[in-house]
Amino acid sequence: MLFVIIGHDGPDGAALRPKVRPAHLENLRPLVSAGKVKIAGPFTDGSGSLIIVDMENEAEAIAFANSDPYTTSGVFARVEVKPFRQVFPEVA
């Protein structure tokens, strides 16, 4: 099942992001290798990041979002996790 994770940067997000980025990417690497990360990256306005992941359930997606180094280190002040249904491109 797909989930959208939106991390909203906190007031220190811009300063913390470069320092925490290596740990954040390392945390994503196993999911990327398993094909579970569909898209990920920062918003160009500096307000946060978006990750679309394929997880078994919402609890797993929430646990992942809450344990991400960007969350635990204060880059993200708030994280949203929402179930997502892909329409285009069409999937079987």
PDB file of N, CA and C in Angstrom:
ATOM      1  N   MET A   1       0.840  -1.165   0.000  1.00  0.00           N
ATOM      2  CA  MET A   1       0.000   0.000   0.000  1.00  0.00           C
ATOM      3  C   MET A   1       0.896   1.244   0.000  1.00  0.00           C
ATOM      4  N   LEU A   2       0.513   2.236  -0.785  1.00  0.00           N
ATOM      5  CA  LEU A   2       1.322   3.447  -0.871  1.00  0.00           C
ATOM      6  C   LEU A   2       0.934   4.454   0.209  1.00  0.00           C
ATOM      7  N   PHE A   3       1.953   5.150   0.706  1.00  0.00           N
ATOM      8  CA  PHE A   3       1.769   6.210   1.696  1.00  0.00           C
ATOM      9  C   PHE A   3       2.618   7.406   1.305  1.00  0.00           C
ATOM     10  N   VAL A   4       2.037   8.580   1.476  1.00  0.00           N
ATOM     11  CA  VAL A   4       2.764   9.827   1.291  1.00  0.00           C
ATOM     12  C   VAL A   4       3.225  10.280   2.666  1.00  0.00           C
ATOM     13  N   ILE A   5       4.501  10.569   2.781  1.00  0.00           N
ATOM     14  CA  ILE A   5       5.064  11.115   4.012  1.00  0.00           C
ATOM     15  C   ILE A   5       5.510  12.539   3.693  1.00  0.00           C
ATOM     16  N   ILE A   6       4.953  13.496   4.419  1.00  0.00           N
ATOM     17  CA  ILE A   6       5.331  14.894   4.249  1.00  0.00           C
ATOM     18  C   ILE A   6       5.993  15.345   5.542  1.00  0.00           C
ATOM     19  N   GLY A   7       7.253  15.691   5.439  1.00  0.00           N
ATOM     20  CA  GLY A   7       7.992  16.226   6.584  1.00  0.00           C
ATOM     21  C   GLY A   7       8.058  17.732   6.467  1.00  0.00           C
ATOM     22  N   HIS A   8       7.508  18.414   7.468  1.00  0.00           N
ATOM     23  CA  HIS A   8       7.516  19.879   7.486  1.00  0.00           C
ATOM     24  C   HIS A   8       8.715  20.357   8.298  1.00  0.00           C
ATOM     25  N   ASP A   9       9.604  21.095   7.660  1.00  0.00           N
ATOM     26  CA  ASP A   9      10.803  21.571   8.346  1.00  0.00           C
ATOM     27  C   ASP A   9      10.456  22.489   9.513  1.00  0.00           C
ATOM     28  N   GLY A  10      11.225  22.338  10.577  1.00  0.00           N
ATOM     29  CA  GLY A  10      11.113  23.220  11.721  1.00  0.00           C
ATOM     30  C   GLY A  10      11.971  24.457  11.513  1.00  0.00           C
ATOM     31  N   PRO A  11      11.996  25.339  12.497  1.00  0.00           N
ATOM     32  CA  PRO A  11      12.746  26.588  12.357  1.00  0.00           C
ATOM     33  C   PRO A  11      14.251  26.382  12.146  1.00  0.00           C
ATOM     34  N   ASP A  12      14.787  25.255  12.613  1.00  0.00           N
ATOM     35  CA  ASP A  12      16.214  24.970  12.434  1.00  0.00           C
ATOM     36  C   ASP A  12      16.473  23.977  11.300  1.00  0.00           C
ATOM     37  N   GLY A  13      15.419  23.656  10.536  1.00  0.00           N
ATOM     38  CA  GLY A  13      15.531  22.645   9.485  1.00  0.00           C
ATOM     39  C   GLY A  13      16.615  22.930   8.468  1.00  0.00           C
ATOM     40  N   ALA A  14      16.679  24.151   7.978  1.00  0.00           N
ATOM     41  CA  ALA A  14      17.671  24.492   6.949  1.00  0.00           C
ATOM     42  C   ALA A  14      19.095  24.323   7.464  1.00  0.00           C
ATOM     43  N   ALA A  15      19.324  24.678   8.709  1.00  0.00           N
ATOM     44  CA  ALA A  15      20.667  24.557   9.283  1.00  0.00           C
ATOM     45  C   ALA A  15      21.015  23.106   9.597  1.00  0.00           C
ATOM     46  N   LEU A  16      20.038  22.333  10.055  1.00  0.00           N
ATOM     47  CA  LEU A  16      20.286  20.943  10.435  1.00  0.00           C
ATOM     48  C   LEU A  16      20.355  19.992   9.247  1.00  0.00           C
ATOM     49  N   ARG A  17      19.610  20.281   8.208  1.00  0.00           N
ATOM     50  CA  ARG A  17      19.469  19.363   7.071  1.00  0.00           C
ATOM     51  C   ARG A  17      20.807  18.867   6.516  1.00  0.00           C
ATOM     52  N   PRO A  18      21.775  19.735   6.205  1.00  0.00           N
ATOM     53  CA  PRO A  18      23.035  19.224   5.633  1.00  0.00           C
ATOM     54  C   PRO A  18      23.793  18.301   6.591  1.00  0.00           C
ATOM     55  N   LYS A  19      23.685  18.548   7.884  1.00  0.00           N
ATOM     56  CA  LYS A  19      24.396  17.721   8.865  1.00  0.00           C
ATOM     57  C   LYS A  19      23.746  16.347   9.019  1.00  0.00           C
ATOM     58  N   VAL A  20      22.429  16.297   8.910  1.00  0.00           N
ATOM     59  CA  VAL A  20      21.680  15.060   9.159  1.00  0.00           C
ATOM     60  C   VAL A  20      21.457  14.265   7.873  1.00  0.00           C
ATOM     61  N   ARG A  21      21.655  14.896   6.723  1.00  0.00           N
ATOM     62  CA  ARG A  21      21.369  14.260   5.428  1.00  0.00           C
ATOM     63  C   ARG A  21      22.026  12.891   5.250  1.00  0.00           C
ATOM     64  N   PRO A  22      23.314  12.700   5.577  1.00  0.00           N
ATOM     65  CA  PRO A  22      23.899  11.362   5.394  1.00  0.00           C
ATOM     66  C   PRO A  22      23.152  10.272   6.179  1.00  0.00           C
ATOM     67  N   ALA A  23      22.768  10.555   7.410  1.00  0.00           N
ATOM     68  CA  ALA A  23      22.035   9.561   8.213  1.00  0.00           C
ATOM     69  C   ALA A  23      20.642   9.331   7.631  1.00  0.00           C
ATOM     70  N   HIS A  24      20.001  10.384   7.151  1.00  0.00           N
ATOM     71  CA  HIS A  24      18.676  10.276   6.535  1.00  0.00           C
ATOM     72  C   HIS A  24      18.743   9.379   5.296  1.00  0.00           C
ATOM     73  N   LEU A  25      19.726   9.609   4.434  1.00  0.00           N
ATOM     74  CA  LEU A  25      19.872   8.806   3.223  1.00  0.00           C
ATOM     75  C   LEU A  25      20.202   7.351   3.554  1.00  0.00           C
ATOM     76  N   GLU A  26      21.044   7.142   4.547  1.00  0.00           N
ATOM     77  CA  GLU A  26      21.387   5.772   4.967  1.00  0.00           C
ATOM     78  C   GLU A  26      20.148   5.048   5.494  1.00  0.00           C
ATOM     79  N   ASN A  27      19.290   5.766   6.181  1.00  0.00           N
ATOM     80  CA  ASN A  27      18.051   5.188   6.696  1.00  0.00           C
ATOM     81  C   ASN A  27      17.114   4.789   5.547  1.00  0.00           C
ATOM     82  N   LEU A  28      17.120   5.548   4.468  1.00  0.00           N
ATOM     83  CA  LEU A  28      16.274   5.252   3.305  1.00  0.00           C
ATOM     84  C   LEU A  28      16.818   4.115   2.441  1.00  0.00           C
ATOM     85  N   ARG A  29      18.136   3.926   2.466  1.00  0.00           N
ATOM     86  CA  ARG A  29      18.794   2.995   1.543  1.00  0.00           C
ATOM     87  C   ARG A  29      18.176   1.591   1.514  1.00  0.00           C
ATOM     88  N   PRO A  30      17.881   0.948   2.654  1.00  0.00           N
ATOM     89  CA  PRO A  30      17.283  -0.398   2.579  1.00  0.00           C
ATOM     90  C   PRO A  30      15.918  -0.403   1.887  1.00  0.00           C
ATOM     91  N   LEU A  31      15.129   0.629   2.108  1.00  0.00           N
ATOM     92  CA  LEU A  31      13.824   0.703   1.445  1.00  0.00           C
ATOM     93  C   LEU A  31      13.985   0.963  -0.050  1.00  0.00           C
ATOM     94  N   VAL A  32      14.964   1.775  -0.407  1.00  0.00           N
ATOM     95  CA  VAL A  32      15.248   2.022  -1.826  1.00  0.00           C
ATOM     96  C   VAL A  32      15.674   0.714  -2.490  1.00  0.00           C
ATOM     97  N   SER A  33      16.579  -0.021  -1.855  1.00  0.00           N
ATOM     98  CA  SER A  33      17.064  -1.300  -2.401  1.00  0.00           C
ATOM     99  C   SER A  33      15.939  -2.315  -2.560  1.00  0.00           C
ATOM    100  N   ALA A  34      14.963  -2.262  -1.656  1.00  0.00           N
ATOM    101  CA  ALA A  34      13.828  -3.184  -1.710  1.00  0.00           C
ATOM    102  C   ALA A  34      12.726  -2.697  -2.655  1.00  0.00           C
ATOM    103  N   GLY A  35      12.928  -1.540  -3.299  1.00  0.00           N
ATOM    104  CA  GLY A  35      11.940  -1.010  -4.223  1.00  0.00           C
ATOM    105  C   GLY A  35      10.732  -0.388  -3.545  1.00  0.00           C
ATOM    106  N   LYS A  36      10.856  -0.069  -2.262  1.00  0.00           N
ATOM    107  CA  LYS A  36       9.728   0.474  -1.507  1.00  0.00           C
ATOM    108  C   LYS A  36       9.621   1.993  -1.542  1.00  0.00           C
ATOM    109  N   VAL A  37      10.684   2.677  -1.943  1.00  0.00           N
ATOM    110  CA  VAL A  37      10.628   4.137  -2.082  1.00  0.00           C
ATOM    111  C   VAL A  37      10.305   4.435  -3.537  1.00  0.00           C
ATOM    112  N   LYS A  38       9.160   5.044  -3.751  1.00  0.00           N
ATOM    113  CA  LYS A  38       8.708   5.345  -5.106  1.00  0.00           C
ATOM    114  C   LYS A  38       9.212   6.704  -5.578  1.00  0.00           C
ATOM    115  N   ILE A  39       9.281   7.661  -4.679  1.00  0.00           N
ATOM    116  CA  ILE A  39       9.805   8.986  -4.984  1.00  0.00           C
ATOM    117  C   ILE A  39      10.166   9.647  -3.662  1.00  0.00           C
ATOM    118  N   ALA A  40      11.204  10.459  -3.674  1.00  0.00           N
ATOM    119  CA  ALA A  40      11.613  11.150  -2.447  1.00  0.00           C
ATOM    120  C   ALA A  40      12.433  12.378  -2.803  1.00  0.00           C
ATOM    121  N   GLY A  41      12.264  13.421  -2.019  1.00  0.00           N
ATOM    122  CA  GLY A  41      13.076  14.610  -2.218  1.00  0.00           C
ATOM    123  C   GLY A  41      12.512  15.802  -1.476  1.00  0.00           C
ATOM    124  N   PRO A  42      13.305  16.875  -1.426  1.00  0.00           N
ATOM    125  CA  PRO A  42      12.876  18.083  -0.717  1.00  0.00           C
ATOM    126  C   PRO A  42      12.013  18.979  -1.603  1.00  0.00           C
ATOM    127  N   PHE A  43      11.166  19.757  -0.958  1.00  0.00           N
ATOM    128  CA  PHE A  43      10.419  20.788  -1.676  1.00  0.00           C
ATOM    129  C   PHE A  43      11.394  21.914  -2.020  1.00  0.00           C
ATOM    130  N   THR A  44      11.256  22.484  -3.182  1.00  0.00           N
ATOM    131  CA  THR A  44      12.197  23.508  -3.625  1.00  0.00           C
ATOM    132  C   THR A  44      12.025  24.833  -2.891  1.00  0.00           C
ATOM    133  N   ASP A  45      10.935  24.988  -2.155  1.00  0.00           N
ATOM    134  CA  ASP A  45      10.755  26.221  -1.377  1.00  0.00           C
ATOM    135  C   ASP A  45      11.372  26.124   0.020  1.00  0.00           C
ATOM    136  N   GLY A  46      12.032  24.988   0.326  1.00  0.00           N
ATOM    137  CA  GLY A  46      12.697  24.828   1.608  1.00  0.00           C
ATOM    138  C   GLY A  46      11.773  24.532   2.774  1.00  0.00           C
ATOM    139  N   SER A  47      10.525  24.159   2.487  1.00  0.00           N
ATOM    140  CA  SER A  47       9.560  23.945   3.564  1.00  0.00           C
ATOM    141  C   SER A  47       9.546  22.526   4.120  1.00  0.00           C
ATOM    142  N   GLY A  48      10.231  21.593   3.455  1.00  0.00           N
ATOM    143  CA  GLY A  48      10.230  20.217   3.941  1.00  0.00           C
ATOM    144  C   GLY A  48      10.518  19.238   2.823  1.00  0.00           C
ATOM    145  N   SER A  49      10.005  18.011   2.997  1.00  0.00           N
ATOM    146  CA  SER A  49      10.293  16.935   2.051  1.00  0.00           C
ATOM    147  C   SER A  49       9.072  16.057   1.840  1.00  0.00           C
ATOM    148  N   LEU A  50       9.110  15.321   0.731  1.00  0.00           N
ATOM    149  CA  LEU A  50       8.071  14.372   0.373  1.00  0.00           C
ATOM    150  C   LEU A  50       8.713  13.018   0.115  1.00  0.00           C
ATOM    151  N   ILE A  51       8.093  11.981   0.647  1.00  0.00           N
ATOM    152  CA  ILE A  51       8.514  10.611   0.354  1.00  0.00           C
ATOM    153  C   ILE A  51       7.241   9.815   0.079  1.00  0.00           C
ATOM    154  N   ILE A  52       7.239   9.056  -1.002  1.00  0.00           N
ATOM    155  CA  ILE A  52       6.149   8.117  -1.247  1.00  0.00           C
ATOM    156  C   ILE A  52       6.742   6.724  -1.109  1.00  0.00           C
ATOM    157  N   VAL A  53       6.162   5.950  -0.182  1.00  0.00           N
ATOM    158  CA  VAL A  53       6.684   4.617   0.125  1.00  0.00           C
ATOM    159  C   VAL A  53       5.590   3.567  -0.019  1.00  0.00           C
ATOM    160  N   ASP A  54       6.016   2.362  -0.287  1.00  0.00           N
ATOM    161  CA  ASP A  54       5.120   1.209  -0.350  1.00  0.00           C
ATOM    162  C   ASP A  54       5.361   0.406   0.924  1.00  0.00           C
ATOM    163  N   MET A  55       4.385   0.415   1.816  1.00  0.00           N
ATOM    164  CA  MET A  55       4.504  -0.272   3.108  1.00  0.00           C
ATOM    165  C   MET A  55       3.340  -1.236   3.283  1.00  0.00           C
ATOM    166  N   GLU A  56       3.481  -2.156   4.215  1.00  0.00           N
ATOM    167  CA  GLU A  56       2.431  -3.129   4.490  1.00  0.00           C
ATOM    168  C   GLU A  56       1.180  -2.477   5.055  1.00  0.00           C
ATOM    169  N   ASN A  57       1.378  -1.460   5.915  1.00  0.00           N
ATOM    170  CA  ASN A  57       0.229  -0.821   6.564  1.00  0.00           C
ATOM    171  C   ASN A  57       0.623   0.562   7.062  1.00  0.00           C
ATOM    172  N   GLU A  58      -0.369   1.298   7.529  1.00  0.00           N
ATOM    173  CA  GLU A  58      -0.131   2.666   7.975  1.00  0.00           C
ATOM    174  C   GLU A  58       0.767   2.718   9.205  1.00  0.00           C
ATOM    175  N   ALA A  59       0.615   1.763  10.100  1.00  0.00           N
ATOM    176  CA  ALA A  59       1.456   1.738  11.303  1.00  0.00           C
ATOM    177  C   ALA A  59       2.933   1.634  10.934  1.00  0.00           C
ATOM    178  N   GLU A  60       3.255   0.828   9.926  1.00  0.00           N
ATOM    179  CA  GLU A  60       4.641   0.683   9.470  1.00  0.00           C
ATOM    180  C   GLU A  60       5.149   1.993   8.873  1.00  0.00           C
ATOM    181  N   ALA A  61       4.305   2.670   8.089  1.00  0.00           N
ATOM    182  CA  ALA A  61       4.698   3.946   7.480  1.00  0.00           C
ATOM    183  C   ALA A  61       4.910   5.016   8.552  1.00  0.00           C
ATOM    184  N   ILE A  62       4.035   5.051   9.545  1.00  0.00           N
ATOM    185  CA  ILE A  62       4.169   6.018  10.641  1.00  0.00           C
ATOM    186  C   ILE A  62       5.436   5.741  11.442  1.00  0.00           C
ATOM    187  N   ALA A  63       5.691   4.482  11.744  1.00  0.00           N
ATOM    188  CA  ALA A  63       6.897   4.125  12.500  1.00  0.00           C
ATOM    189  C   ALA A  63       8.151   4.535  11.733  1.00  0.00           C
ATOM    190  N   PHE A  64       8.155   4.294  10.425  1.00  0.00           N
ATOM    191  CA  PHE A  64       9.295   4.697   9.606  1.00  0.00           C
ATOM    192  C   PHE A  64       9.481   6.211   9.658  1.00  0.00           C
ATOM    193  N   ALA A  65       8.396   6.953   9.444  1.00  0.00           N
ATOM    194  CA  ALA A  65       8.475   8.420   9.432  1.00  0.00           C
ATOM    195  C   ALA A  65       8.958   8.955  10.771  1.00  0.00           C
ATOM    196  N   ASN A  66       8.459   8.400  11.847  1.00  0.00           N
ATOM    197  CA  ASN A  66       8.822   8.883  13.186  1.00  0.00           C
ATOM    198  C   ASN A  66      10.249   8.529  13.579  1.00  0.00           C
ATOM    199  N   SER A  67      10.811   7.490  12.967  1.00  0.00           N
ATOM    200  CA  SER A  67      12.181   7.078  13.311  1.00  0.00           C
ATOM    201  C   SER A  67      13.238   7.640  12.362  1.00  0.00           C
ATOM    202  N   ASP A  68      12.797   8.328  11.311  1.00  0.00           N
ATOM    203  CA  ASP A  68      13.748   8.888  10.356  1.00  0.00           C
ATOM    204  C   ASP A  68      14.635   9.927  11.041  1.00  0.00           C
ATOM    205  N   PRO A  69      15.929   9.955  10.730  1.00  0.00           N
ATOM    206  CA  PRO A  69      16.826  10.933  11.344  1.00  0.00           C
ATOM    207  C   PRO A  69      16.391  12.390  11.166  1.00  0.00           C
ATOM    208  N   TYR A  70      15.732  12.712  10.059  1.00  0.00           N
ATOM    209  CA  TYR A  70      15.234  14.084   9.916  1.00  0.00           C
ATOM    210  C   TYR A  70      14.186  14.401  10.984  1.00  0.00           C
ATOM    211  N   THR A  71      13.415  13.404  11.380  1.00  0.00           N
ATOM    212  CA  THR A  71      12.411  13.605  12.431  1.00  0.00           C
ATOM    213  C   THR A  71      13.077  13.629  13.798  1.00  0.00           C
ATOM    214  N   THR A  72      13.903  12.634  14.075  1.00  0.00           N
ATOM    215  CA  THR A  72      14.494  12.514  15.412  1.00  0.00           C
ATOM    216  C   THR A  72      15.526  13.585  15.709  1.00  0.00           C
ATOM    217  N   SER A  73      16.110  14.191  14.654  1.00  0.00           N
ATOM    218  CA  SER A  73      17.132  15.222  14.859  1.00  0.00           C
ATOM    219  C   SER A  73      16.590  16.645  14.770  1.00  0.00           C
ATOM    220  N   GLY A  74      15.293  16.786  14.510  1.00  0.00           N
ATOM    221  CA  GLY A  74      14.694  18.109  14.517  1.00  0.00           C
ATOM    222  C   GLY A  74      14.661  18.846  13.194  1.00  0.00           C
ATOM    223  N   VAL A  75      15.074  18.193  12.095  1.00  0.00           N
ATOM    224  CA  VAL A  75      14.917  18.837  10.789  1.00  0.00           C
ATOM    225  C   VAL A  75      13.417  19.033  10.541  1.00  0.00           C
ATOM    226  N   PHE A  76      12.644  17.956  10.754  1.00  0.00           N
ATOM    227  CA  PHE A  76      11.191  18.033  10.634  1.00  0.00           C
ATOM    228  C   PHE A  76      10.592  18.400  11.982  1.00  0.00           C
ATOM    229  N   ALA A  77       9.748  19.417  11.983  1.00  0.00           N
ATOM    230  CA  ALA A  77       9.000  19.774  13.187  1.00  0.00           C
ATOM    231  C   ALA A  77       7.718  18.956  13.272  1.00  0.00           C
ATOM    232  N   ARG A  78       7.228  18.534  12.100  1.00  0.00           N
ATOM    233  CA  ARG A  78       5.968  17.802  12.035  1.00  0.00           C
ATOM    234  C   ARG A  78       6.008  16.886  10.827  1.00  0.00           C
ATOM    235  N   VAL A  79       5.431  15.701  10.962  1.00  0.00           N
ATOM    236  CA  VAL A  79       5.381  14.729   9.873  1.00  0.00           C
ATOM    237  C   VAL A  79       3.936  14.275   9.677  1.00  0.00           C
ATOM    238  N   GLU A  80       3.508  14.257   8.433  1.00  0.00           N
ATOM    239  CA  GLU A  80       2.191  13.731   8.082  1.00  0.00           C
ATOM    240  C   GLU A  80       2.364  12.439   7.297  1.00  0.00           C
ATOM    241  N   VAL A  81       1.522  11.462   7.557  1.00  0.00           N
ATOM    242  CA  VAL A  81       1.508  10.213   6.806  1.00  0.00           C
ATOM    243  C   VAL A  81       0.078  10.005   6.320  1.00  0.00           C
ATOM    244  N   LYS A  82      -0.064   9.857   5.010  1.00  0.00           N
ATOM    245  CA  LYS A  82      -1.397   9.707   4.425  1.00  0.00           C
ATOM    246  C   LYS A  82      -1.405   8.548   3.440  1.00  0.00           C
ATOM    247  N   PRO A  83      -2.441   7.694   3.499  1.00  0.00           N
ATOM    248  CA  PRO A  83      -2.567   6.645   2.484  1.00  0.00           C
ATOM    249  C   PRO A  83      -2.791   7.281   1.120  1.00  0.00           C
ATOM    250  N   PHE A  84      -2.289   6.632   0.084  1.00  0.00           N
ATOM    251  CA  PHE A  84      -2.303   7.208  -1.258  1.00  0.00           C
ATOM    252  C   PHE A  84      -2.691   6.136  -2.267  1.00  0.00           C
ATOM    253  N   ARG A  85      -3.556   6.501  -3.203  1.00  0.00           N
ATOM    254  CA  ARG A  85      -3.934   5.598  -4.289  1.00  0.00           C
ATOM    255  C   ARG A  85      -3.397   6.160  -5.596  1.00  0.00           C
ATOM    256  N   GLN A  86      -2.507   5.442  -6.222  1.00  0.00           N
ATOM    257  CA  GLN A  86      -1.932   5.872  -7.499  1.00  0.00           C
ATOM    258  C   GLN A  86      -2.929   5.604  -8.615  1.00  0.00           C
ATOM    259  N   VAL A  87      -3.183   6.629  -9.438  1.00  0.00           N
ATOM    260  CA  VAL A  87      -4.070   6.514 -10.579  1.00  0.00           C
ATOM    261  C   VAL A  87      -3.263   6.557 -11.878  1.00  0.00           C
ATOM    262  N   PHE A  88      -2.342   7.522 -11.964  1.00  0.00           N
ATOM    263  CA  PHE A  88      -1.481   7.646 -13.151  1.00  0.00           C
ATOM    264  C   PHE A  88      -0.048   7.695 -12.723  1.00  0.00           C
ATOM    265  N   PRO A  89       0.909   7.141 -13.465  1.00  0.00           N
ATOM    266  CA  PRO A  89       0.569   6.249 -14.553  1.00  0.00           C
ATOM    267  C   PRO A  89      -0.170   5.022 -14.009  1.00  0.00           C
ATOM    268  N   GLU A  90      -1.012   4.468 -14.836  1.00  0.00           N
ATOM    269  CA  GLU A  90      -1.847   3.348 -14.407  1.00  0.00           C
ATOM    270  C   GLU A  90      -0.993   2.177 -13.961  1.00  0.00           C
ATOM    271  N   VAL A  91      -1.470   1.539 -12.909  1.00  0.00           N
ATOM    272  CA  VAL A  91      -0.784   0.358 -12.390  1.00  0.00           C
ATOM    273  C   VAL A  91      -1.758  -0.810 -12.444  1.00  0.00           C
ATOM    274  N   ALA A  92      -1.219  -1.995 -12.627  1.00  0.00           N
ATOM    275  CA  ALA A  92      -2.069  -3.192 -12.726  1.00  0.00           C
ATOM    276  C   ALA A  92      -2.574  -3.614 -11.373  1.00  0.00           C
TER     277      ALA A  92
END
